Amino acid sequence: MLITMLRAAGFKSYPAMTMAGSRIDYIPADQFNHSVTVVKLKDGKYHLLDPTWVPFVRELWSSAEQQQQYLMGVPEGADLATTPLSPPENHYLRITGNSELSADGTLKGTITITAEGQTDAGIRSMFFRNSNKTQWFRTLKKSC
């Protein structure tokens, strides 16, 4: 569906096959379990897209699938390729706390959490897996 939508929007897009969670041997064999999409960018390079694998992550290709082999079904043909490493700076976690201690000993404040990549995905999953807001505090407490 994504290939069709991208083509309708004027992009050159094709299927690619991968073996999610495993490696692909460099021999002719049926060793794929997942179809993804590649789109050709203006610079002629292909970019992987997988909307089914990362529905609650803001990445277009899951960095959890680093060094994952894939085979593009492009008109010019392609050899087995490997997804690049995703550097740690793409998966940061920043926690900023502002607090005020009143004269009676009461502590009031706010905490701001900023994250990216798989760290962001991990934090988001704590909330979307528990849609009941009353459970969020307990979930955060268990995770820390």
N, C-alpha and C. Protein backbone atom coordinates (compact mmCIF):
# COMPACT_ATOMS: atom_id res chain seq x y z
N MET A 1 0.82 -1.18 0.00
CA MET A 1 0.00 0.00 0.00
C MET A 1 0.87 1.26 0.00
N LEU A 2 1.93 1.25 0.81
CA LEU A 2 2.80 2.42 0.86
C LEU A 2 3.47 2.66 -0.50
N ILE A 3 3.89 1.60 -1.17
CA ILE A 3 4.50 1.74 -2.49
C ILE A 3 3.52 2.41 -3.44
N THR A 4 2.28 1.96 -3.44
CA THR A 4 1.25 2.53 -4.31
C THR A 4 1.01 3.99 -3.98
N MET A 5 0.93 4.32 -2.70
CA MET A 5 0.69 5.71 -2.30
C MET A 5 1.86 6.61 -2.70
N LEU A 6 3.09 6.12 -2.50
CA LEU A 6 4.26 6.91 -2.88
C LEU A 6 4.31 7.12 -4.39
N ARG A 7 4.02 6.07 -5.15
CA ARG A 7 4.01 6.19 -6.62
C ARG A 7 2.94 7.17 -7.07
N ALA A 8 1.77 7.13 -6.45
CA ALA A 8 0.69 8.06 -6.80
C ALA A 8 1.10 9.51 -6.51
N ALA A 9 1.98 9.69 -5.52
CA ALA A 9 2.46 11.03 -5.17
C ALA A 9 3.67 11.44 -6.01
N GLY A 10 4.09 10.57 -6.95
CA GLY A 10 5.18 10.93 -7.86
C GLY A 10 6.55 10.41 -7.47
N PHE A 11 6.64 9.58 -6.46
CA PHE A 11 7.92 9.03 -6.03
C PHE A 11 8.20 7.70 -6.73
N LYS A 12 9.47 7.37 -6.84
CA LYS A 12 9.87 6.05 -7.32
C LYS A 12 10.04 5.18 -6.08
N SER A 13 9.19 4.19 -5.96
CA SER A 13 9.17 3.36 -4.77
C SER A 13 9.03 1.90 -5.16
N TYR A 14 9.70 1.02 -4.39
CA TYR A 14 9.75 -0.40 -4.71
C TYR A 14 9.73 -1.23 -3.43
N PRO A 15 9.43 -2.52 -3.56
CA PRO A 15 9.48 -3.39 -2.39
C PRO A 15 10.90 -3.80 -2.05
N ALA A 16 11.10 -4.15 -0.82
CA ALA A 16 12.37 -4.74 -0.36
C ALA A 16 12.00 -5.84 0.62
N MET A 17 12.80 -6.87 0.65
CA MET A 17 12.54 -8.00 1.54
C MET A 17 13.62 -8.05 2.61
N THR A 18 13.23 -8.46 3.80
CA THR A 18 14.18 -8.60 4.90
C THR A 18 13.77 -9.79 5.77
N MET A 19 14.63 -10.12 6.69
CA MET A 19 14.35 -11.18 7.65
C MET A 19 14.36 -10.52 9.02
N ALA A 20 13.22 -10.03 9.45
CA ALA A 20 13.13 -9.28 10.71
C ALA A 20 13.66 -10.12 11.86
N GLY A 21 14.59 -9.55 12.59
CA GLY A 21 15.13 -10.21 13.77
C GLY A 21 16.17 -11.27 13.51
N SER A 22 16.62 -11.39 12.27
CA SER A 22 17.61 -12.42 11.97
C SER A 22 18.46 -11.96 10.79
N ARG A 23 19.49 -12.71 10.49
CA ARG A 23 20.35 -12.35 9.37
C ARG A 23 19.96 -13.15 8.14
N ILE A 24 20.42 -12.69 6.99
CA ILE A 24 20.16 -13.37 5.73
C ILE A 24 21.49 -13.90 5.22
N ASP A 25 21.54 -15.17 4.91
CA ASP A 25 22.75 -15.75 4.35
C ASP A 25 22.89 -15.36 2.89
N TYR A 26 24.13 -15.22 2.46
CA TYR A 26 24.39 -14.79 1.09
C TYR A 26 24.37 -16.01 0.16
N ILE A 27 23.23 -16.70 0.16
CA ILE A 27 23.01 -17.84 -0.73
C ILE A 27 21.57 -17.74 -1.25
N PRO A 28 21.30 -18.25 -2.45
CA PRO A 28 19.93 -18.21 -2.95
C PRO A 28 19.04 -19.13 -2.12
N ALA A 29 18.09 -18.56 -1.43
CA ALA A 29 17.17 -19.34 -0.60
C ALA A 29 15.99 -18.46 -0.20
N ASP A 30 14.94 -19.09 0.22
CA ASP A 30 13.77 -18.36 0.71
C ASP A 30 14.01 -18.06 2.20
N GLN A 31 14.57 -16.90 2.49
CA GLN A 31 14.91 -16.57 3.87
C GLN A 31 14.41 -15.20 4.29
N PHE A 32 13.28 -14.80 3.74
CA PHE A 32 12.70 -13.51 4.07
C PHE A 32 11.39 -13.71 4.81
N ASN A 33 11.08 -12.83 5.76
CA ASN A 33 9.81 -12.93 6.46
C ASN A 33 9.07 -11.60 6.54
N HIS A 34 9.61 -10.57 5.87
CA HIS A 34 9.01 -9.24 6.02
C HIS A 34 9.27 -8.43 4.76
N SER A 35 8.23 -7.80 4.25
CA SER A 35 8.36 -6.92 3.10
C SER A 35 8.30 -5.48 3.59
N VAL A 36 9.22 -4.66 3.10
CA VAL A 36 9.27 -3.25 3.45
C VAL A 36 9.27 -2.43 2.16
N THR A 37 9.50 -1.15 2.27
CA THR A 37 9.45 -0.25 1.12
C THR A 37 10.74 0.53 1.02
N VAL A 38 11.19 0.75 -0.22
CA VAL A 38 12.30 1.68 -0.45
C VAL A 38 11.78 2.78 -1.36
N VAL A 39 12.24 3.98 -1.12
CA VAL A 39 11.88 5.13 -1.95
C VAL A 39 13.17 5.76 -2.43
N LYS A 40 13.20 6.13 -3.72
CA LYS A 40 14.40 6.74 -4.30
C LYS A 40 14.35 8.24 -4.05
N LEU A 41 15.41 8.75 -3.42
CA LEU A 41 15.49 10.17 -3.10
C LEU A 41 16.08 10.95 -4.29
N LYS A 42 16.05 12.27 -4.21
CA LYS A 42 16.55 13.12 -5.30
C LYS A 42 18.01 12.85 -5.62
N ASP A 43 18.80 12.47 -4.60
CA ASP A 43 20.23 12.23 -4.82
C ASP A 43 20.50 10.84 -5.42
N GLY A 44 19.43 10.08 -5.71
CA GLY A 44 19.57 8.76 -6.31
C GLY A 44 19.72 7.62 -5.31
N LYS A 45 19.84 7.96 -4.03
CA LYS A 45 19.96 6.92 -3.00
C LYS A 45 18.58 6.43 -2.60
N TYR A 46 18.53 5.18 -2.15
CA TYR A 46 17.28 4.61 -1.67
C TYR A 46 17.20 4.74 -0.16
N HIS A 47 16.00 4.96 0.32
CA HIS A 47 15.76 5.10 1.76
C HIS A 47 14.71 4.07 2.17
N LEU A 48 14.99 3.32 3.22
CA LEU A 48 14.06 2.30 3.71
C LEU A 48 12.93 2.93 4.52
N LEU A 49 11.73 2.40 4.32
CA LEU A 49 10.55 2.82 5.07
C LEU A 49 9.81 1.57 5.52
N ASP A 50 9.33 1.58 6.74
CA ASP A 50 8.56 0.44 7.23
C ASP A 50 7.49 0.92 8.20
N PRO A 51 6.32 1.29 7.69
CA PRO A 51 5.27 1.80 8.58
C PRO A 51 4.63 0.73 9.45
N THR A 52 4.78 -0.55 9.11
CA THR A 52 4.16 -1.60 9.92
C THR A 52 5.01 -1.99 11.12
N TRP A 53 6.30 -1.75 11.05
CA TRP A 53 7.22 -2.20 12.09
C TRP A 53 7.35 -1.19 13.22
N VAL A 54 7.10 0.06 12.94
CA VAL A 54 7.32 1.10 13.94
C VAL A 54 6.08 2.00 14.11
N PRO A 55 4.92 1.42 14.43
CA PRO A 55 3.71 2.24 14.49
C PRO A 55 3.70 3.29 15.60
N PHE A 56 4.43 3.10 16.69
CA PHE A 56 4.43 4.09 17.77
C PHE A 56 5.80 4.74 17.95
N VAL A 57 6.62 4.65 16.91
CA VAL A 57 7.95 5.23 16.93
C VAL A 57 8.01 6.29 15.85
N ARG A 58 8.73 7.36 16.10
CA ARG A 58 8.78 8.45 15.12
C ARG A 58 9.84 8.23 14.05
N GLU A 59 10.47 7.09 14.02
CA GLU A 59 11.45 6.76 13.00
C GLU A 59 10.74 6.19 11.77
N LEU A 60 11.28 6.46 10.58
CA LEU A 60 10.71 5.90 9.37
C LEU A 60 11.23 4.49 9.10
N TRP A 61 12.37 4.19 9.68
CA TRP A 61 12.92 2.83 9.67
C TRP A 61 13.39 2.57 11.09
N SER A 62 13.03 1.44 11.64
CA SER A 62 13.35 1.16 13.03
C SER A 62 14.85 0.98 13.23
N SER A 63 15.44 1.82 14.03
CA SER A 63 16.86 1.68 14.35
C SER A 63 17.11 0.45 15.22
N ALA A 64 16.05 -0.18 15.69
CA ALA A 64 16.21 -1.45 16.39
C ALA A 64 16.66 -2.54 15.41
N GLU A 65 16.51 -2.27 14.13
CA GLU A 65 16.92 -3.21 13.08
C GLU A 65 18.25 -2.77 12.46
N GLN A 66 19.20 -2.41 13.30
CA GLN A 66 20.53 -2.03 12.82
C GLN A 66 21.26 -3.27 12.30
N GLN A 67 22.03 -3.06 11.26
CA GLN A 67 22.82 -4.11 10.64
C GLN A 67 21.93 -5.29 10.22
N GLN A 68 20.75 -4.96 9.74
CA GLN A 68 19.78 -5.94 9.24
C GLN A 68 19.94 -6.03 7.72
N GLN A 69 20.08 -7.23 7.20
CA GLN A 69 20.20 -7.38 5.76
C GLN A 69 18.83 -7.23 5.09
N TYR A 70 18.87 -6.71 3.85
CA TYR A 70 17.65 -6.55 3.06
C TYR A 70 18.02 -6.61 1.58
N LEU A 71 17.02 -6.92 0.77
CA LEU A 71 17.20 -7.03 -0.67
C LEU A 71 16.14 -6.19 -1.36
N MET A 72 16.58 -5.17 -2.12
CA MET A 72 15.65 -4.28 -2.80
C MET A 72 15.21 -4.88 -4.13
N GLY A 73 13.94 -4.73 -4.46
CA GLY A 73 13.41 -5.15 -5.75
C GLY A 73 13.33 -3.96 -6.69
N VAL A 74 14.48 -3.45 -7.08
CA VAL A 74 14.54 -2.25 -7.93
C VAL A 74 14.84 -2.64 -9.38
N PRO A 75 14.40 -1.80 -10.34
CA PRO A 75 14.56 -2.13 -11.77
C PRO A 75 16.00 -2.43 -12.19
N GLU A 76 16.96 -1.73 -11.62
CA GLU A 76 18.37 -1.93 -11.99
C GLU A 76 19.00 -3.12 -11.29
N GLY A 77 18.24 -3.78 -10.43
CA GLY A 77 18.77 -4.90 -9.66
C GLY A 77 19.57 -4.40 -8.47
N ALA A 78 19.71 -5.22 -7.48
CA ALA A 78 20.46 -4.82 -6.28
C ALA A 78 21.03 -6.05 -5.61
N ASP A 79 22.14 -5.84 -4.94
CA ASP A 79 22.76 -6.90 -4.16
C ASP A 79 22.24 -6.82 -2.73
N LEU A 80 22.50 -7.83 -1.97
CA LEU A 80 22.14 -7.83 -0.57
C LEU A 80 22.80 -6.64 0.12
N ALA A 81 22.03 -5.87 0.88
CA ALA A 81 22.54 -4.69 1.57
C ALA A 81 22.29 -4.84 3.07
N THR A 82 22.94 -3.99 3.84
CA THR A 82 22.81 -4.01 5.30
C THR A 82 22.46 -2.61 5.79
N THR A 83 21.50 -2.52 6.68
CA THR A 83 21.13 -1.22 7.24
C THR A 83 22.27 -0.69 8.10
N PRO A 84 22.44 0.63 8.12
CA PRO A 84 23.55 1.21 8.87
C PRO A 84 23.32 1.20 10.38
N LEU A 85 24.40 1.41 11.11
CA LEU A 85 24.31 1.59 12.56
C LEU A 85 23.63 2.92 12.85
N SER A 86 22.89 2.97 13.92
CA SER A 86 22.27 4.20 14.37
C SER A 86 23.05 4.69 15.57
N PRO A 87 23.74 5.83 15.44
CA PRO A 87 24.60 6.29 16.53
C PRO A 87 23.82 6.60 17.81
N PRO A 88 24.47 6.42 18.96
CA PRO A 88 23.79 6.62 20.24
C PRO A 88 23.21 8.02 20.41
N GLU A 89 23.80 9.03 19.79
CA GLU A 89 23.26 10.39 19.93
C GLU A 89 21.87 10.53 19.30
N ASN A 90 21.46 9.54 18.49
CA ASN A 90 20.10 9.54 17.93
C ASN A 90 19.08 8.93 18.88
N HIS A 91 19.53 8.50 20.06
CA HIS A 91 18.66 7.79 21.01
C HIS A 91 18.81 8.32 22.43
N TYR A 92 18.90 9.62 22.54
CA TYR A 92 19.18 10.24 23.83
C TYR A 92 17.96 10.29 24.75
N LEU A 93 18.25 10.51 26.01
CA LEU A 93 17.24 10.74 27.04
C LEU A 93 17.72 11.94 27.86
N ARG A 94 16.89 12.97 27.95
CA ARG A 94 17.20 14.15 28.76
C ARG A 94 16.08 14.33 29.78
N ILE A 95 16.47 14.44 31.02
CA ILE A 95 15.51 14.67 32.10
C ILE A 95 15.87 15.97 32.78
N THR A 96 14.94 16.91 32.77
CA THR A 96 15.16 18.21 33.39
C THR A 96 14.17 18.38 34.53
N GLY A 97 14.69 18.67 35.70
CA GLY A 97 13.83 18.86 36.86
C GLY A 97 13.93 20.27 37.40
N ASN A 98 12.81 20.86 37.69
CA ASN A 98 12.73 22.17 38.34
C ASN A 98 11.87 21.98 39.60
N SER A 99 12.42 22.37 40.73
CA SER A 99 11.67 22.19 41.96
C SER A 99 11.85 23.38 42.90
N GLU A 100 10.91 23.45 43.82
CA GLU A 100 10.93 24.52 44.80
C GLU A 100 10.56 23.94 46.16
N LEU A 101 11.38 24.21 47.14
CA LEU A 101 11.13 23.75 48.49
C LEU A 101 10.55 24.91 49.29
N SER A 102 9.33 24.74 49.76
CA SER A 102 8.68 25.82 50.51
C SER A 102 9.13 25.77 51.98
N ALA A 103 8.83 26.82 52.71
CA ALA A 103 9.24 26.94 54.11
C ALA A 103 8.68 25.81 54.98
N ASP A 104 7.52 25.27 54.61
CA ASP A 104 6.92 24.19 55.42
C ASP A 104 7.45 22.81 55.02
N GLY A 105 8.42 22.77 54.11
CA GLY A 105 9.02 21.50 53.72
C GLY A 105 8.38 20.82 52.53
N THR A 106 7.36 21.46 51.95
CA THR A 106 6.69 20.91 50.78
C THR A 106 7.57 21.12 49.54
N LEU A 107 7.73 20.06 48.78
CA LEU A 107 8.50 20.13 47.53
C LEU A 107 7.53 20.07 46.36
N LYS A 108 7.59 21.09 45.52
CA LYS A 108 6.76 21.14 44.31
C LYS A 108 7.69 21.31 43.12
N GLY A 109 7.29 20.70 42.01
CA GLY A 109 8.13 20.87 40.85
C GLY A 109 7.59 20.17 39.62
N THR A 110 8.38 20.25 38.58
CA THR A 110 8.04 19.60 37.32
C THR A 110 9.27 18.85 36.81
N ILE A 111 8.99 17.81 36.08
CA ILE A 111 10.05 17.05 35.41
C ILE A 111 9.69 17.02 33.93
N THR A 112 10.65 17.34 33.09
CA THR A 112 10.46 17.29 31.64
C THR A 112 11.37 16.21 31.09
N ILE A 113 10.77 15.31 30.33
CA ILE A 113 11.53 14.22 29.71
C ILE A 113 11.54 14.45 28.20
N THR A 114 12.72 14.46 27.63
CA THR A 114 12.89 14.59 26.19
C THR A 114 13.71 13.41 25.72
N ALA A 115 13.22 12.74 24.68
CA ALA A 115 13.91 11.55 24.19
C ALA A 115 13.78 11.47 22.68
N GLU A 116 14.63 10.65 22.09
CA GLU A 116 14.60 10.45 20.64
C GLU A 116 14.89 9.00 20.33
N GLY A 117 14.53 8.56 19.14
CA GLY A 117 14.84 7.22 18.67
C GLY A 117 14.21 6.13 19.51
N GLN A 118 14.98 5.07 19.76
CA GLN A 118 14.46 3.93 20.51
C GLN A 118 14.20 4.27 21.98
N THR A 119 14.91 5.25 22.52
CA THR A 119 14.64 5.69 23.89
C THR A 119 13.25 6.32 23.95
N ASP A 120 12.94 7.16 22.97
CA ASP A 120 11.62 7.76 22.86
C ASP A 120 10.55 6.67 22.75
N ALA A 121 10.81 5.67 21.93
CA ALA A 121 9.86 4.57 21.75
C ALA A 121 9.61 3.83 23.06
N GLY A 122 10.66 3.61 23.83
CA GLY A 122 10.51 2.92 25.10
C GLY A 122 9.66 3.70 26.09
N ILE A 123 9.85 5.00 26.13
CA ILE A 123 9.07 5.83 27.04
C ILE A 123 7.61 5.90 26.59
N ARG A 124 7.40 6.10 25.29
CA ARG A 124 6.03 6.15 24.77
C ARG A 124 5.29 4.85 25.03
N SER A 125 6.00 3.72 24.92
CA SER A 125 5.33 2.43 25.08
C SER A 125 4.78 2.26 26.50
N MET A 126 5.42 2.89 27.48
CA MET A 126 4.90 2.80 28.86
C MET A 126 3.50 3.40 28.95
N PHE A 127 3.21 4.36 28.09
CA PHE A 127 1.93 5.05 28.15
C PHE A 127 0.89 4.45 27.21
N PHE A 128 1.28 4.14 25.96
CA PHE A 128 0.26 3.63 25.06
C PHE A 128 -0.13 2.19 25.38
N ARG A 129 0.73 1.45 26.06
CA ARG A 129 0.36 0.10 26.47
C ARG A 129 -0.58 0.12 27.68
N ASN A 130 -0.57 1.23 28.41
CA ASN A 130 -1.47 1.42 29.55
C ASN A 130 -2.33 2.65 29.28
N SER A 131 -3.39 2.47 28.51
CA SER A 131 -4.23 3.62 28.15
C SER A 131 -4.99 4.17 29.36
N ASN A 132 -5.05 3.41 30.45
CA ASN A 132 -5.71 3.86 31.66
C ASN A 132 -4.74 4.78 32.41
N LYS A 133 -5.01 6.07 32.40
CA LYS A 133 -4.11 7.05 33.00
C LYS A 133 -3.86 6.81 34.48
N THR A 134 -4.78 6.17 35.15
CA THR A 134 -4.60 5.92 36.58
C THR A 134 -3.46 4.93 36.82
N GLN A 135 -3.05 4.18 35.80
CA GLN A 135 -1.97 3.21 35.93
C GLN A 135 -0.60 3.78 35.57
N TRP A 136 -0.55 4.99 35.02
CA TRP A 136 0.71 5.55 34.54
C TRP A 136 1.75 5.69 35.65
N PHE A 137 1.37 6.19 36.81
CA PHE A 137 2.33 6.37 37.90
C PHE A 137 2.92 5.03 38.31
N ARG A 138 2.08 4.01 38.45
CA ARG A 138 2.56 2.67 38.82
C ARG A 138 3.51 2.12 37.75
N THR A 139 3.18 2.35 36.49
CA THR A 139 4.04 1.88 35.39
C THR A 139 5.40 2.57 35.44
N LEU A 140 5.40 3.88 35.65
CA LEU A 140 6.67 4.62 35.75
C LEU A 140 7.48 4.15 36.94
N LYS A 141 6.83 3.92 38.05
CA LYS A 141 7.53 3.46 39.25
C LYS A 141 8.18 2.12 39.02
N LYS A 142 7.49 1.19 38.31
CA LYS A 142 8.04 -0.14 38.02
C LYS A 142 9.22 -0.05 37.06
N SER A 143 9.18 0.92 36.14
CA SER A 143 10.20 1.04 35.11
C SER A 143 11.50 1.67 35.61
N CYS A 144 11.41 2.39 36.69
CA CYS A 144 12.60 3.13 37.18
C CYS A 144 13.46 2.31 38.09
